[in-house]
Amino acid sequence: MHLLVCTPFFANVSNIMKLGYIILYVPKVADAVAFYEKAFGMTCRFRHGGEEGDYAEMQTGETVLAFASETLADSHGFAYRKTSVSGDAPSIEIALVSEDVAGAFDTAITAGAIAVSQPAGKPWGQTVSYVRDNNGYLVEICSPVGAAD
């Protein structure tokens, strides 16, 4: 297996941006939080507006996964495509890394996720599976690269 190491274009710049947040627009933030807690074992680290508020952040590691209500998103004044479980998945995926992909996949399905593809080994040494969450977003459940189950 060969992994390509990329050299940052801005290698000598002191103000390199880093990915801080992935924010998914959802109809009901509380429902998204409850689903991600049950399906993926995450905990909510911050809520704005209480239990039924317009914004919440999940404890996920260095990059924050957050949910904003469609009402809050509408207030920003730009157009966006709302997601649903019945339509095609949006052109984005959330990738969650697990040492037990099959177990995490089964837990997600039991919690109400929709199976897209069962766990499978990939040529680059990773086990990968896909589900859709309660709002139709695609979630990849995978092992670390180079650590197939």
Protein backbone atom coordinates (compact mmCIF):
# COMPACT_ATOMS: atom_id res chain seq x y z
CA MET A 1 0.00 0.00 0.00
CA HIS A 2 1.29 3.46 -0.91
CA LEU A 3 0.02 6.59 0.79
CA LEU A 4 0.69 9.95 -0.77
CA VAL A 5 1.85 12.60 1.66
CA CYS A 6 0.68 16.04 0.62
CA THR A 7 2.74 19.14 1.19
CA PRO A 8 0.61 22.15 2.13
CA PHE A 9 0.59 24.86 -0.52
CA PHE A 10 0.82 27.44 2.26
CA ALA A 11 3.63 25.63 4.10
CA ASN A 12 5.38 28.87 5.06
CA VAL A 13 2.27 30.82 6.06
CA SER A 14 1.66 31.18 9.79
CA ASN A 15 -2.12 31.60 9.50
CA ILE A 16 -3.22 28.28 7.98
CA MET A 17 -6.91 27.64 8.47
CA LYS A 18 -8.08 24.40 10.05
CA LEU A 19 -11.43 22.69 9.84
CA GLY A 20 -13.33 23.62 12.97
CA TYR A 21 -16.99 22.75 12.35
CA ILE A 22 -19.21 20.64 10.16
CA ILE A 23 -22.73 22.06 10.56
CA LEU A 24 -25.69 20.11 9.25
CA TYR A 25 -28.98 21.96 8.73
CA VAL A 26 -31.83 19.88 10.16
CA PRO A 27 -35.56 20.38 10.79
CA LYS A 28 -35.29 19.61 14.52
CA VAL A 29 -31.97 19.91 16.34
CA ALA A 30 -33.19 17.92 19.37
CA ASP A 31 -34.09 14.95 17.15
CA ALA A 32 -30.67 15.02 15.45
CA VAL A 33 -28.87 15.18 18.82
CA ALA A 34 -30.91 12.28 20.22
CA PHE A 35 -30.27 10.20 17.10
CA TYR A 36 -26.49 10.76 17.09
CA GLU A 37 -26.32 9.99 20.81
CA LYS A 38 -28.17 6.69 20.34
CA ALA A 39 -26.78 5.63 16.94
CA PHE A 40 -23.15 6.70 17.32
CA GLY A 41 -22.58 7.06 21.07
CA MET A 42 -21.86 10.79 20.88
CA THR A 43 -22.66 13.26 23.64
CA CYS A 44 -23.92 16.79 23.23
CA ARG A 45 -21.34 19.30 24.44
CA PHE A 46 -23.26 22.54 23.82
CA ARG A 47 -26.83 23.64 23.09
CA HIS A 48 -28.13 27.08 22.27
CA GLY A 49 -31.75 27.69 23.19
CA GLY A 50 -32.28 24.72 25.50
CA GLU A 51 -33.50 21.24 24.59
CA GLU A 52 -35.52 22.40 21.57
CA GLY A 53 -33.01 25.08 20.55
CA ASP A 54 -31.71 26.07 17.13
CA TYR A 55 -28.11 24.87 17.53
CA ALA A 56 -26.13 22.08 19.19
CA GLU A 57 -22.59 20.70 19.07
CA MET A 58 -21.59 17.09 19.57
CA GLN A 59 -18.43 15.88 21.29
CA THR A 60 -16.56 14.31 18.38
CA GLY A 61 -12.87 15.07 18.77
CA GLU A 62 -10.94 17.94 17.23
CA THR A 63 -13.50 18.86 14.54
CA VAL A 64 -16.96 19.72 15.83
CA LEU A 65 -20.08 18.14 14.36
CA ALA A 66 -22.94 20.58 14.90
CA PHE A 67 -26.61 20.83 14.02
CA ALA A 68 -28.41 24.06 13.17
CA SER A 69 -32.15 24.25 12.68
CA GLU A 70 -33.47 25.06 9.25
CA THR A 71 -35.11 28.08 10.90
CA LEU A 72 -31.68 29.37 11.94
CA ALA A 73 -30.24 28.54 8.50
CA ASP A 74 -33.09 30.44 6.83
CA SER A 75 -32.16 33.53 8.87
CA HIS A 76 -28.74 33.68 7.18
CA GLY A 77 -30.36 34.84 3.96
CA PHE A 78 -28.91 32.34 1.49
CA ALA A 79 -30.49 29.46 -0.41
CA TYR A 80 -29.66 25.86 0.43
CA ARG A 81 -31.12 22.45 -0.34
CA LYS A 82 -33.01 20.90 2.55
CA THR A 83 -32.39 17.21 3.13
CA SER A 84 -34.85 14.41 3.65
CA VAL A 85 -34.69 10.68 4.15
CA SER A 86 -36.89 10.12 1.08
CA GLY A 87 -34.65 11.91 -1.45
CA ASP A 88 -31.13 11.23 -2.63
CA ALA A 89 -28.41 11.72 -0.04
CA PRO A 90 -26.71 15.14 -0.13
CA SER A 91 -23.30 15.42 -1.78
CA ILE A 92 -21.49 15.18 1.54
CA GLU A 93 -20.73 12.45 4.03
CA ILE A 94 -19.81 12.44 7.69
CA ALA A 95 -17.06 9.86 8.29
CA LEU A 96 -16.93 8.32 11.76
CA VAL A 97 -13.92 6.16 12.63
CA SER A 98 -14.37 3.04 14.75
CA GLU A 99 -12.18 0.10 15.73
CA ASP A 100 -15.32 -2.11 15.42
CA VAL A 101 -17.01 -1.12 12.17
CA ALA A 102 -19.43 -4.06 12.11
CA GLY A 103 -20.53 -3.43 15.69
CA ALA A 104 -20.91 0.32 15.13
CA PHE A 105 -22.87 -0.35 11.94
CA ASP A 106 -25.24 -2.72 13.78
CA THR A 107 -25.71 -0.20 16.62
CA ALA A 108 -26.58 2.54 14.13
CA ILE A 109 -29.11 0.32 12.34
CA THR A 110 -30.71 -0.67 15.65
CA ALA A 111 -31.01 3.05 16.50
CA GLY A 112 -32.89 3.73 13.26
CA ALA A 113 -30.19 4.49 10.69
CA ILE A 114 -30.91 3.28 7.17
CA ALA A 115 -28.41 0.77 5.81
CA VAL A 116 -26.73 1.89 2.58
CA SER A 117 -23.82 -0.56 2.37
CA GLN A 118 -22.63 -3.28 4.72
CA PRO A 119 -19.07 -3.19 6.15
CA ALA A 120 -16.53 -4.22 3.49
CA GLY A 121 -12.76 -4.27 3.24
CA LYS A 122 -11.18 -1.82 0.80
CA PRO A 123 -7.91 -2.23 -1.15
CA TRP A 124 -6.26 0.58 0.84
CA GLY A 125 -6.67 -1.37 4.08
CA GLN A 126 -9.82 0.14 5.52
CA THR A 127 -13.19 -1.36 6.43
CA VAL A 128 -16.00 0.92 5.26
CA SER A 129 -19.78 0.94 5.60
CA TYR A 130 -22.49 3.54 4.98
CA VAL A 131 -25.79 4.46 6.62
CA ARG A 132 -28.16 7.39 6.33
CA ASP A 133 -29.08 9.28 9.47
CA ASN A 134 -32.55 10.38 10.60
CA ASN A 135 -32.35 13.45 8.32
CA GLY A 136 -31.01 11.68 5.23
CA TYR A 137 -27.33 12.59 5.59
CA LEU A 138 -24.83 9.93 4.55
CA VAL A 139 -22.65 8.63 7.39
CA GLU A 140 -19.58 6.54 6.68
CA ILE A 141 -18.61 4.21 9.51
CA CYS A 142 -15.03 3.14 8.88
CA SER A 143 -11.87 1.82 10.46
CA PRO A 144 -8.71 3.93 10.54
CA VAL A 145 -6.86 3.83 7.20
CA GLY A 146 -4.58 0.81 7.14
CA ALA A 147 -6.49 -1.02 9.91
CA ALA A 148 -9.09 -3.23 8.22
CA ASP A 149 -11.17 -5.31 10.63
